[in-house]
N, C-alpha and C. Protein backbone atom coordinates (compact mmCIF):
# COMPACT_ATOMS: atom_id res chain seq x y z
N PHE A 1 6.91 -16.64 8.07
CA PHE A 1 7.74 -15.12 8.19
C PHE A 1 8.08 -14.67 6.77
N HIS A 2 8.30 -15.45 5.60
CA HIS A 2 8.72 -15.12 4.43
C HIS A 2 7.44 -14.26 3.92
N ILE A 3 6.34 -14.80 4.07
CA ILE A 3 5.03 -14.11 3.52
C ILE A 3 4.47 -12.88 4.17
N THR A 4 5.22 -12.75 5.48
CA THR A 4 4.67 -11.51 6.24
C THR A 4 5.64 -10.63 5.31
N TRP A 5 6.80 -10.70 5.62
CA TRP A 5 7.62 -9.76 5.12
C TRP A 5 7.16 -9.22 3.56
N ILE A 6 7.04 -10.00 2.52
CA ILE A 6 6.51 -10.00 1.17
C ILE A 6 5.14 -9.35 1.45
N THR A 7 4.20 -9.42 2.12
CA THR A 7 2.97 -8.88 2.49
C THR A 7 3.59 -7.42 2.93
N PHE A 8 4.54 -7.16 3.70
CA PHE A 8 4.30 -5.90 4.42
C PHE A 8 5.16 -5.20 3.01
N PHE A 9 6.03 -5.82 2.55
CA PHE A 9 6.69 -5.13 1.21
C PHE A 9 5.94 -4.58 0.29
N LEU A 10 4.69 -5.42 0.06
CA LEU A 10 3.97 -4.79 -1.22
C LEU A 10 3.00 -4.15 -0.63
N CYS A 11 2.70 -3.80 0.75
CA CYS A 11 1.74 -2.89 1.55
C CYS A 11 2.42 -1.56 1.09
N PHE A 12 3.77 -1.50 1.39
CA PHE A 12 4.36 -0.44 1.12
C PHE A 12 4.49 -0.24 -0.29
N PHE A 13 4.83 -1.12 -1.25
CA PHE A 13 4.69 -0.82 -2.46
C PHE A 13 3.18 -0.10 -2.95
N GLY A 14 1.99 -1.11 -2.67
CA GLY A 14 0.67 -0.28 -3.14
C GLY A 14 0.77 1.07 -2.36
N TRP A 15 0.88 1.68 -0.98
CA TRP A 15 0.99 2.56 -0.32
C TRP A 15 1.60 3.90 -0.99
N PHE A 16 2.59 3.53 -1.41
CA PHE A 16 3.44 4.71 -2.18
C PHE A 16 3.23 4.35 -3.45
N GLY A 17 2.65 3.51 -4.44
CA GLY A 17 2.95 3.50 -5.79
C GLY A 17 2.26 4.20 -6.25
N ILE A 18 1.66 5.09 -6.15
CA ILE A 18 1.25 6.45 -6.90
C ILE A 18 2.58 7.44 -6.87
N ALA A 19 2.96 7.51 -6.02
CA ALA A 19 3.98 8.66 -5.62
C ALA A 19 5.21 8.96 -6.76
N PRO A 20 5.69 8.15 -7.51
CA PRO A 20 6.32 8.49 -8.56
C PRO A 20 5.62 8.71 -9.66
N LEU A 21 4.27 8.57 -9.87
CA LEU A 21 3.55 8.93 -10.92
C LEU A 21 3.03 10.48 -10.83
N MET A 22 3.17 11.01 -9.48
CA MET A 22 2.46 12.31 -9.49
C MET A 22 2.73 13.32 -10.10
N PRO A 23 3.74 13.66 -10.92
CA PRO A 23 3.94 14.37 -12.21
C PRO A 23 2.89 14.30 -12.85
N VAL A 24 2.83 13.15 -13.51
CA VAL A 24 1.76 12.96 -14.71
C VAL A 24 0.15 13.25 -14.06
N VAL A 25 0.06 12.53 -12.88
CA VAL A 25 -1.30 12.63 -12.18
C VAL A 25 -1.50 14.35 -11.97
N ARG A 26 -0.75 15.00 -11.49
CA ARG A 26 -0.84 16.51 -11.41
C ARG A 26 -1.18 17.21 -12.63
N LYS A 27 -0.80 16.87 -13.82
CA LYS A 27 -1.11 17.28 -15.17
C LYS A 27 -2.22 17.09 -15.43
N ASP A 28 -2.54 15.54 -15.46
CA ASP A 28 -3.36 15.11 -15.76
C ASP A 28 -5.06 15.54 -14.95
N LEU A 29 -4.99 15.71 -13.85
CA LEU A 29 -6.26 16.39 -12.98
C LEU A 29 -5.96 17.85 -12.71
N GLY A 30 -4.86 18.52 -13.08
CA GLY A 30 -4.53 19.97 -13.20
C GLY A 30 -4.60 20.23 -11.52
N LEU A 31 -3.57 19.33 -10.73
CA LEU A 31 -3.63 19.86 -8.90
C LEU A 31 -2.65 20.96 -9.26
N THR A 32 -2.86 21.46 -7.84
CA THR A 32 -2.01 22.69 -7.50
C THR A 32 -0.95 21.92 -6.22
N GLN A 33 -0.20 23.16 -6.32
CA GLN A 33 0.71 22.46 -5.15
C GLN A 33 0.13 21.83 -3.90
N GLU A 34 -0.71 22.74 -3.62
CA GLU A 34 -1.35 22.86 -2.16
C GLU A 34 -2.44 21.67 -2.16
N GLN A 35 -2.87 21.43 -3.23
CA GLN A 35 -3.53 19.76 -2.88
C GLN A 35 -2.37 18.86 -3.08
N ILE A 36 -1.86 18.78 -3.65
CA ILE A 36 -0.71 17.87 -3.68
C ILE A 36 -0.10 17.54 -2.54
N GLY A 37 -0.17 18.86 -1.60
CA GLY A 37 0.51 18.58 -0.40
C GLY A 37 -0.86 18.13 0.62
N ASN A 38 -1.90 18.52 0.57
CA ASN A 38 -3.02 18.12 1.05
C ASN A 38 -3.00 16.67 1.14
N ILE A 39 -2.72 16.13 -0.28
CA ILE A 39 -2.87 14.78 -0.74
C ILE A 39 -2.01 13.90 0.25
N ILE A 40 -0.91 14.34 0.08
CA ILE A 40 0.25 13.84 0.80
C ILE A 40 0.05 13.63 2.66
N ILE A 41 -0.48 14.70 2.98
CA ILE A 41 -0.89 14.55 4.20
C ILE A 41 -1.92 13.92 4.61
N ALA A 42 -3.19 13.52 3.96
CA ALA A 42 -4.01 12.60 3.97
C ALA A 42 -3.45 11.39 3.85
N SER A 43 -2.83 10.50 3.19
CA SER A 43 -2.49 9.60 2.62
C SER A 43 -1.36 9.04 4.13
N VAL A 44 -0.79 9.80 4.87
CA VAL A 44 -0.43 9.52 5.98
C VAL A 44 -0.78 9.69 6.95
N ALA A 45 -1.74 10.91 7.49
CA ALA A 45 -2.48 10.98 8.47
C ALA A 45 -3.20 10.08 8.70
N ILE A 46 -4.02 9.16 7.98
CA ILE A 46 -5.19 8.49 8.01
C ILE A 46 -4.38 6.98 8.68
N THR A 47 -2.98 6.84 8.70
CA THR A 47 -2.59 5.59 9.57
C THR A 47 -2.37 5.73 10.91
N VAL A 48 -2.62 6.80 11.35
CA VAL A 48 -2.91 7.01 12.86
C VAL A 48 -3.89 6.36 13.34
N PHE A 49 -5.15 6.54 12.73
CA PHE A 49 -6.40 6.02 13.07
C PHE A 49 -6.62 4.74 13.12
N ALA A 50 -6.02 4.37 11.55
CA ALA A 50 -6.06 3.20 11.23
C ALA A 50 -5.30 1.97 11.99
N ARG A 51 -4.14 2.29 12.38
CA ARG A 51 -3.33 1.56 12.94
C ARG A 51 -3.92 1.32 14.59
N LEU A 52 -4.72 2.31 15.50
CA LEU A 52 -5.53 1.83 16.32
C LEU A 52 -6.28 0.86 15.89
N LEU A 53 -7.47 1.32 14.81
CA LEU A 53 -7.79 -0.01 14.50
C LEU A 53 -7.41 -1.28 14.42
N ILE A 54 -6.59 -1.22 13.64
CA ILE A 54 -5.85 -2.74 13.51
C ILE A 54 -4.74 -3.47 14.63
N GLY A 55 -4.60 -2.28 15.50
CA GLY A 55 -4.33 -3.05 16.50
C GLY A 55 -5.33 -4.10 17.49
N TRP A 56 -6.10 -2.93 17.64
CA TRP A 56 -7.25 -3.45 18.30
C TRP A 56 -7.97 -4.95 17.65
N LEU A 57 -8.03 -4.71 16.28
CA LEU A 57 -8.68 -5.94 15.71
C LEU A 57 -7.60 -7.36 16.17
N CYS A 58 -6.31 -6.61 16.00
CA CYS A 58 -5.48 -8.08 15.91
C CYS A 58 -5.57 -8.63 17.31
N ASP A 59 -6.21 -8.16 18.34
CA ASP A 59 -6.31 -8.43 19.56
C ASP A 59 -7.63 -9.35 19.56
N LYS A 60 -8.62 -9.28 18.73
CA LYS A 60 -9.93 -9.63 18.71
C LYS A 60 -9.96 -10.69 17.68
N ILE A 61 -9.20 -10.52 16.78
CA ILE A 61 -9.57 -11.54 15.57
C ILE A 61 -8.24 -12.36 14.67
N GLY A 62 -7.21 -11.57 15.61
CA GLY A 62 -5.97 -12.12 15.25
C GLY A 62 -5.34 -11.56 13.97
N PRO A 63 -3.84 -11.85 13.73
CA PRO A 63 -3.34 -11.11 12.79
C PRO A 63 -3.31 -11.89 11.59
N ARG A 64 -3.94 -12.95 11.03
CA ARG A 64 -3.95 -13.90 10.20
C ARG A 64 -5.31 -12.95 9.21
N ILE A 65 -6.33 -13.12 10.02
CA ILE A 65 -7.68 -12.84 9.57
C ILE A 65 -7.83 -11.26 9.29
N CYS A 66 -6.90 -10.48 10.17
CA CYS A 66 -6.67 -8.88 10.31
C CYS A 66 -5.93 -8.39 8.94
N TYR A 67 -5.11 -9.31 8.66
CA TYR A 67 -4.23 -8.80 7.54
C TYR A 67 -4.62 -9.08 6.21
N SER A 68 -5.43 -10.36 6.19
CA SER A 68 -6.32 -10.48 4.80
C SER A 68 -6.98 -9.86 4.43
N LEU A 69 -8.04 -9.37 5.73
CA LEU A 69 -8.85 -8.14 5.28
C LEU A 69 -8.30 -6.69 5.04
N LEU A 70 -7.18 -6.60 5.65
CA LEU A 70 -6.51 -4.92 5.19
C LEU A 70 -6.07 -5.02 3.77
N LEU A 71 -5.60 -6.15 3.41
CA LEU A 71 -4.98 -6.43 1.91
C LEU A 71 -6.13 -6.38 1.34
N ILE A 72 -7.14 -6.86 1.24
CA ILE A 72 -8.28 -7.17 0.40
C ILE A 72 -9.17 -6.26 -0.02
N LEU A 73 -9.55 -5.42 1.12
CA LEU A 73 -9.91 -4.28 1.18
C LEU A 73 -9.11 -3.02 0.59
N GLY A 74 -7.91 -3.16 1.08
CA GLY A 74 -7.04 -1.91 0.88
C GLY A 74 -6.44 -2.06 -0.55
N SER A 75 -6.80 -3.12 -1.36
CA SER A 75 -6.35 -3.10 -2.42
C SER A 75 -7.53 -2.62 -3.51
N ILE A 76 -8.26 -2.33 -2.74
CA ILE A 76 -9.52 -1.75 -3.87
C ILE A 76 -9.46 -0.18 -4.16
N PRO A 77 -9.22 0.59 -2.92
CA PRO A 77 -8.40 1.64 -3.96
C PRO A 77 -7.64 2.10 -4.20
N VAL A 78 -6.54 1.28 -4.02
CA VAL A 78 -5.09 1.23 -4.95
C VAL A 78 -5.55 0.72 -6.16
N MET A 79 -6.12 -0.36 -6.68
CA MET A 79 -6.60 -0.41 -7.97
C MET A 79 -7.66 0.90 -8.75
N PHE A 80 -8.64 1.50 -7.61
CA PHE A 80 -9.51 2.19 -8.38
C PHE A 80 -9.32 3.80 -8.25
N ILE A 81 -7.84 3.61 -7.83
CA ILE A 81 -7.79 5.25 -7.76
C ILE A 81 -7.69 6.00 -9.35
N GLY A 82 -7.27 5.26 -10.37
CA GLY A 82 -7.43 5.36 -12.04
C GLY A 82 -8.78 6.20 -11.98
N MET A 83 -10.06 5.73 -11.10
CA MET A 83 -10.87 6.40 -11.72
C MET A 83 -11.01 8.01 -11.32
N SER A 84 -10.23 8.49 -10.57
CA SER A 84 -10.42 9.66 -10.00
C SER A 84 -10.17 10.77 -11.75
N GLN A 85 -11.10 11.55 -11.15
CA GLN A 85 -11.41 12.72 -12.34
C GLN A 85 -11.36 14.11 -11.67
N SER A 86 -11.08 14.22 -10.55
CA SER A 86 -10.96 15.42 -10.09
C SER A 86 -9.83 15.57 -8.31
N TYR A 87 -9.64 16.67 -8.07
CA TYR A 87 -8.68 16.33 -6.76
C TYR A 87 -9.65 15.95 -5.36
N GLU A 88 -10.90 16.09 -5.84
CA GLU A 88 -11.57 15.42 -4.06
C GLU A 88 -11.67 14.25 -4.43
N SER A 89 -11.92 13.65 -5.57
CA SER A 89 -12.21 11.96 -5.78
C SER A 89 -10.55 11.13 -5.80
N PHE A 90 -9.67 12.15 -6.07
CA PHE A 90 -7.97 11.39 -5.94
C PHE A 90 -7.89 11.48 -3.97
N LEU A 91 -8.35 12.66 -4.02
CA LEU A 91 -7.82 13.13 -2.01
C LEU A 91 -8.86 11.88 -1.25
N LEU A 92 -10.13 11.45 -1.50
CA LEU A 92 -10.68 10.44 -1.29
C LEU A 92 -9.70 8.88 -1.54
N PHE A 93 -9.68 8.73 -2.69
CA PHE A 93 -8.71 7.46 -3.23
C PHE A 93 -7.54 7.28 -1.91
N ARG A 94 -6.72 8.54 -2.30
CA ARG A 94 -5.50 8.39 -1.45
C ARG A 94 -5.62 8.47 0.04
N LEU A 95 -6.49 8.75 0.43
CA LEU A 95 -7.23 8.79 2.02
C LEU A 95 -7.28 7.05 2.02
N ALA A 96 -8.00 6.61 1.19
CA ALA A 96 -8.24 5.09 1.48
C ALA A 96 -7.05 4.23 1.52
N ILE A 97 -6.37 4.78 0.46
CA ILE A 97 -5.40 3.88 0.43
C ILE A 97 -3.98 4.14 1.45
N GLY A 98 -4.35 4.98 2.18
CA GLY A 98 -3.26 5.48 3.43
C GLY A 98 -3.51 4.51 4.41
N VAL A 99 -5.03 3.76 4.34
CA VAL A 99 -5.02 2.53 5.60
C VAL A 99 -4.41 1.52 5.75
N ILE A 100 -3.61 1.69 4.77
CA ILE A 100 -2.68 -0.09 4.36
C ILE A 100 -1.54 0.09 5.20
N GLY A 101 -0.86 1.82 5.49
CA GLY A 101 -0.32 1.65 6.36
C GLY A 101 -0.15 1.29 7.51
N ALA A 102 -1.31 0.72 7.94
CA ALA A 102 -1.53 -0.05 9.09
C ALA A 102 -0.58 -1.45 9.25
N SER A 103 -0.43 -1.79 7.87
CA SER A 103 0.14 -3.38 7.66
C SER A 103 1.42 -3.07 9.13
N PHE A 104 1.80 -2.16 9.20
CA PHE A 104 3.10 -2.30 10.18
C PHE A 104 2.67 -2.77 11.18
N VAL A 105 1.35 -2.45 12.06
CA VAL A 105 0.85 -2.62 13.51
C VAL A 105 0.78 -4.36 13.07
N VAL A 106 -0.09 -4.59 12.22
CA VAL A 106 0.15 -6.22 12.01
C VAL A 106 1.04 -7.21 11.73
N THR A 107 2.09 -6.74 10.75
CA THR A 107 3.55 -7.14 10.54
C THR A 107 4.33 -7.43 11.87
N GLN A 108 4.23 -6.20 12.78
CA GLN A 108 5.06 -6.63 13.97
C GLN A 108 4.62 -7.75 14.94
N TYR A 109 3.01 -7.46 14.89
CA TYR A 109 2.39 -8.56 15.98
C TYR A 109 2.37 -9.53 15.70
N HIS A 110 2.25 -10.09 14.33
CA HIS A 110 2.34 -11.45 13.81
C HIS A 110 3.85 -11.97 14.17
N THR A 111 4.89 -11.18 13.93
CA THR A 111 6.16 -11.64 13.64
C THR A 111 6.62 -12.00 15.24
N SER A 112 5.80 -10.82 15.80
CA SER A 112 5.97 -10.86 17.57
C SER A 112 5.74 -12.47 18.35
N VAL A 113 4.54 -12.65 17.67
CA VAL A 113 4.06 -14.17 18.12
C VAL A 113 4.60 -15.35 17.64
N MET A 114 5.30 -14.82 16.44
CA MET A 114 5.89 -16.14 15.84
C MET A 114 7.21 -16.48 16.54
N PHE A 115 8.13 -15.43 17.04
CA PHE A 115 9.38 -15.88 17.55
C PHE A 115 9.72 -15.76 18.85
N ALA A 116 10.60 -16.67 19.36
CA ALA A 116 10.75 -16.68 20.96
C ALA A 116 11.09 -15.30 20.89
N PRO A 117 11.15 -14.89 22.52
CA PRO A 117 11.92 -13.78 22.83
C PRO A 117 13.33 -13.09 22.66
N ASN A 118 13.96 -14.18 22.69
CA ASN A 118 15.63 -13.94 22.43
C ASN A 118 16.06 -13.53 21.08
N VAL A 119 14.77 -13.95 19.86
CA VAL A 119 15.16 -13.40 18.33
C VAL A 119 13.92 -12.33 17.91
N VAL A 120 12.89 -12.25 18.75
CA VAL A 120 12.11 -11.71 18.11
C VAL A 120 12.43 -9.95 17.97
N GLY A 121 13.24 -9.34 18.62
CA GLY A 121 13.67 -7.92 18.04
C GLY A 121 14.32 -8.07 16.61
N THR A 122 15.02 -9.36 16.42
CA THR A 122 16.20 -9.21 15.51
C THR A 122 14.66 -9.74 13.82
N ALA A 123 13.81 -10.71 14.27
CA ALA A 123 12.91 -11.32 13.05
C ALA A 123 11.90 -9.66 13.09
N ASN A 124 11.52 -8.91 14.19
CA ASN A 124 11.02 -7.81 13.72
C ASN A 124 11.64 -6.49 12.86
N ALA A 125 12.93 -6.64 13.35
CA ALA A 125 13.97 -5.60 12.19
C ALA A 125 13.93 -6.31 10.84
N THR A 126 13.86 -7.20 10.76
CA THR A 126 14.03 -7.80 9.53
C THR A 126 12.98 -7.40 8.71
N VAL A 127 11.68 -7.84 9.06
CA VAL A 127 10.34 -8.07 8.34
C VAL A 127 10.28 -6.42 8.26
N ALA A 128 10.50 -5.46 9.19
CA ALA A 128 10.37 -4.14 9.11
C ALA A 128 11.36 -3.61 7.93
N GLY A 129 12.42 -3.92 8.14
CA GLY A 129 13.69 -3.39 6.83
C GLY A 129 12.92 -3.87 5.57
N TRP A 130 12.12 -5.24 5.04
CA TRP A 130 12.05 -5.60 4.05
C TRP A 130 10.89 -4.93 3.91
N GLY A 131 9.85 -4.55 4.43
CA GLY A 131 8.53 -3.93 4.21
C GLY A 131 8.81 -2.87 3.72
N ASN A 132 9.59 -2.04 4.60
CA ASN A 132 9.86 0.00 4.19
C ASN A 132 10.79 -0.43 3.06
N MET A 133 11.34 -1.37 2.37
CA MET A 133 12.22 -1.40 0.99
C MET A 133 10.94 -1.29 -0.02
N GLY A 134 9.98 -1.65 0.34
CA GLY A 134 8.89 -1.76 -0.32
C GLY A 134 8.31 -0.38 -1.23
N GLY A 135 8.61 0.61 -0.08
CA GLY A 135 8.39 2.24 -0.53
C GLY A 135 9.55 2.70 -1.20
N GLY A 136 10.56 2.02 -1.08
CA GLY A 136 11.94 2.53 -1.89
C GLY A 136 11.95 1.61 -3.32
N ALA A 137 11.14 0.65 -3.31
CA ALA A 137 11.09 -0.11 -5.00
C ALA A 137 10.06 0.38 -5.55
N THR A 138 9.21 0.78 -5.28
CA THR A 138 8.21 1.16 -5.61
C THR A 138 8.63 2.58 -6.50
N LEU A 139 9.68 3.37 -5.95
CA LEU A 139 10.27 4.42 -6.79
C LEU A 139 10.82 4.30 -8.03
N MET A 140 11.34 2.65 -8.10
CA MET A 140 11.75 2.32 -9.46
C MET A 140 11.02 1.60 -10.28
N VAL A 141 10.25 0.66 -9.43
CA VAL A 141 9.09 -0.17 -10.49
C VAL A 141 8.12 0.49 -11.19
N MET A 142 7.52 1.27 -10.08
CA MET A 142 6.07 2.05 -11.06
C MET A 142 6.11 2.47 -11.98
N PRO A 143 7.44 3.57 -12.17
CA PRO A 143 7.84 4.26 -13.54
C PRO A 143 7.92 3.49 -14.17
N LEU A 144 8.64 1.95 -14.30
CA LEU A 144 8.52 1.01 -15.38
C LEU A 144 7.54 0.15 -15.73
N ILE A 145 6.56 0.27 -15.03
CA ILE A 145 5.09 -0.25 -15.52
C ILE A 145 4.12 0.71 -15.95
N PHE A 146 4.22 1.89 -15.48
CA PHE A 146 4.00 3.07 -16.07
C PHE A 146 4.50 3.17 -17.78
N ALA A 147 5.74 3.01 -17.83
CA ALA A 147 6.63 3.25 -18.87
C ALA A 147 5.96 1.65 -20.03
N ALA A 148 5.71 0.60 -19.62
CA ALA A 148 5.17 -0.62 -20.14
C ALA A 148 3.69 0.01 -20.77
N PHE A 149 2.80 0.77 -19.80
CA PHE A 149 1.60 0.83 -20.34
C PHE A 149 2.07 1.78 -21.42
N VAL A 150 2.92 2.95 -21.55
CA VAL A 150 3.21 3.91 -22.19
C VAL A 150 3.53 3.50 -23.79
N GLY A 151 4.43 1.91 -23.48
CA GLY A 151 5.18 1.72 -24.91
C GLY A 151 4.06 0.64 -25.20
N ALA A 152 2.97 -0.05 -24.70
CA ALA A 152 1.78 -0.59 -25.41
C ALA A 152 0.70 0.35 -25.93
N GLY A 153 1.47 1.77 -26.24
CA GLY A 153 0.23 2.43 -26.91
C GLY A 153 -0.74 3.12 -25.82
N TYR A 154 -0.76 3.22 -24.62
CA TYR A 154 -1.49 4.23 -24.11
C TYR A 154 -1.25 5.57 -23.81
N MET A 155 -1.75 6.55 -23.87
CA MET A 155 -1.45 8.05 -23.24
C MET A 155 -1.15 8.04 -21.76
N ASP A 156 -0.29 8.89 -21.46
CA ASP A 156 0.23 8.98 -19.98
C ASP A 156 -1.31 9.18 -19.34
N GLU A 157 -2.16 9.76 -19.54
CA GLU A 157 -3.37 10.10 -18.48
C GLU A 157 -3.81 8.40 -18.57
N GLN A 158 -3.91 7.48 -19.24
CA GLN A 158 -4.33 6.12 -19.22
C GLN A 158 -3.30 5.49 -18.53
N ALA A 159 -2.02 5.65 -18.87
CA ALA A 159 -0.86 5.14 -18.48
C ALA A 159 -0.87 4.86 -17.01
N TRP A 160 -0.99 6.02 -16.20
CA TRP A 160 -0.66 5.70 -14.87
C TRP A 160 -2.08 5.47 -14.17
N ARG A 161 -2.85 5.15 -14.49
CA ARG A 161 -4.30 5.02 -14.24
C ARG A 161 -4.19 3.42 -14.09
N TYR A 162 -3.91 2.71 -15.40
CA TYR A 162 -3.67 1.27 -15.38
C TYR A 162 -2.43 0.75 -14.52
N ALA A 163 -1.30 1.58 -14.70
CA ALA A 163 -0.31 1.16 -13.52
C ALA A 163 -0.97 1.03 -11.97
N MET A 164 -1.34 1.22 -11.85
CA MET A 164 -2.31 1.15 -10.59
C MET A 164 -2.43 0.07 -10.11
N VAL A 165 -3.14 -0.30 -11.18
CA VAL A 165 -3.96 -1.72 -11.19
C VAL A 165 -3.10 -2.65 -10.43
N VAL A 166 -1.74 -2.63 -11.09
CA VAL A 166 -1.01 -3.65 -10.92
C VAL A 166 -0.46 -3.76 -9.18
N PRO A 167 -0.29 -2.76 -8.67
CA PRO A 167 -0.01 -3.02 -6.89
C PRO A 167 -1.32 -3.76 -6.29
N GLY A 168 -2.38 -3.25 -6.62
CA GLY A 168 -3.75 -3.58 -6.21
C GLY A 168 -4.06 -5.04 -6.63
N VAL A 169 -3.60 -5.52 -7.67
CA VAL A 169 -3.94 -6.86 -8.30
C VAL A 169 -2.97 -7.67 -7.02
N ALA A 170 -1.93 -7.05 -6.67
CA ALA A 170 -0.61 -8.10 -6.07
C ALA A 170 -1.13 -7.65 -4.78
N LEU A 171 -1.50 -6.99 -3.98
CA LEU A 171 -2.59 -6.66 -2.57
C LEU A 171 -3.39 -7.75 -2.36
N PHE A 172 -4.24 -7.64 -3.53
CA PHE A 172 -5.41 -8.73 -3.38
C PHE A 172 -5.07 -9.98 -3.60
N ILE A 173 -4.23 -10.50 -4.14
CA ILE A 173 -3.58 -11.88 -4.40
C ILE A 173 -3.04 -11.94 -2.96
N MET A 174 -2.30 -11.38 -2.25
CA MET A 174 -1.36 -11.50 -0.95
C MET A 174 -2.70 -11.56 -0.01
N GLY A 175 -3.76 -10.88 0.16
CA GLY A 175 -4.80 -11.56 1.11
C GLY A 175 -5.28 -12.79 1.11
N PHE A 176 -5.24 -13.60 -0.10
CA PHE A 176 -5.54 -14.60 0.09
C PHE A 176 -4.32 -15.60 0.41
N VAL A 177 -3.18 -15.31 -0.28
CA VAL A 177 -2.01 -15.80 0.20
C VAL A 177 -1.82 -16.09 1.45
N TYR A 178 -2.03 -14.69 2.23
CA TYR A 178 -1.89 -14.35 3.96
C TYR A 178 -2.67 -15.50 4.73
N PHE A 179 -4.31 -15.38 4.20
CA PHE A 179 -5.40 -15.99 4.99
C PHE A 179 -4.73 -17.74 4.75
N PHE A 180 -4.42 -18.03 3.34
CA PHE A 180 -4.29 -19.71 3.52
C PHE A 180 -2.92 -20.11 3.78
N PHE A 181 -1.98 -19.45 4.04
CA PHE A 181 -0.73 -20.15 4.05
C PHE A 181 0.09 -19.47 4.99
N THR A 182 -0.46 -18.60 6.36
CA THR A 182 0.06 -18.49 7.47
C THR A 182 -0.76 -18.93 8.65
């Protein structure tokens, strides 16, 4: 149970990790307001399709393997979004990161099979709440990670890129934790 909500927390942290850094990204990549709007739409719209696929995969291979794959594969665009040099490449990375939003399905699926019907609603509400808090925590923590890289001597244009490696590594590690400990 605890690994599930921590994992969900980290998924939202990785999914929304770039959001508080967007003023720096916008300046670095020369993005327009319209392009930023497209990036936001892409990161959320893809979850509709990803959730359908992930729900099907949970039924076929189970939540443990499904979540582990989602975490490990989802960590790659989170870590590598810093390689973006243009609007198009940033949009594609953001689209790929949006797939992590399907973590909601696996979390609810896994929690539903872990608990008895008389407490499953409370369990699902708890993991969902803690997971969604990851989206809020990112607004406070990612600027601090960014600031740590700036404080270490990196320019803003480098610091946002390196800062995104942190949630990516956390997701990658949790992929293995989820596989071996749930």
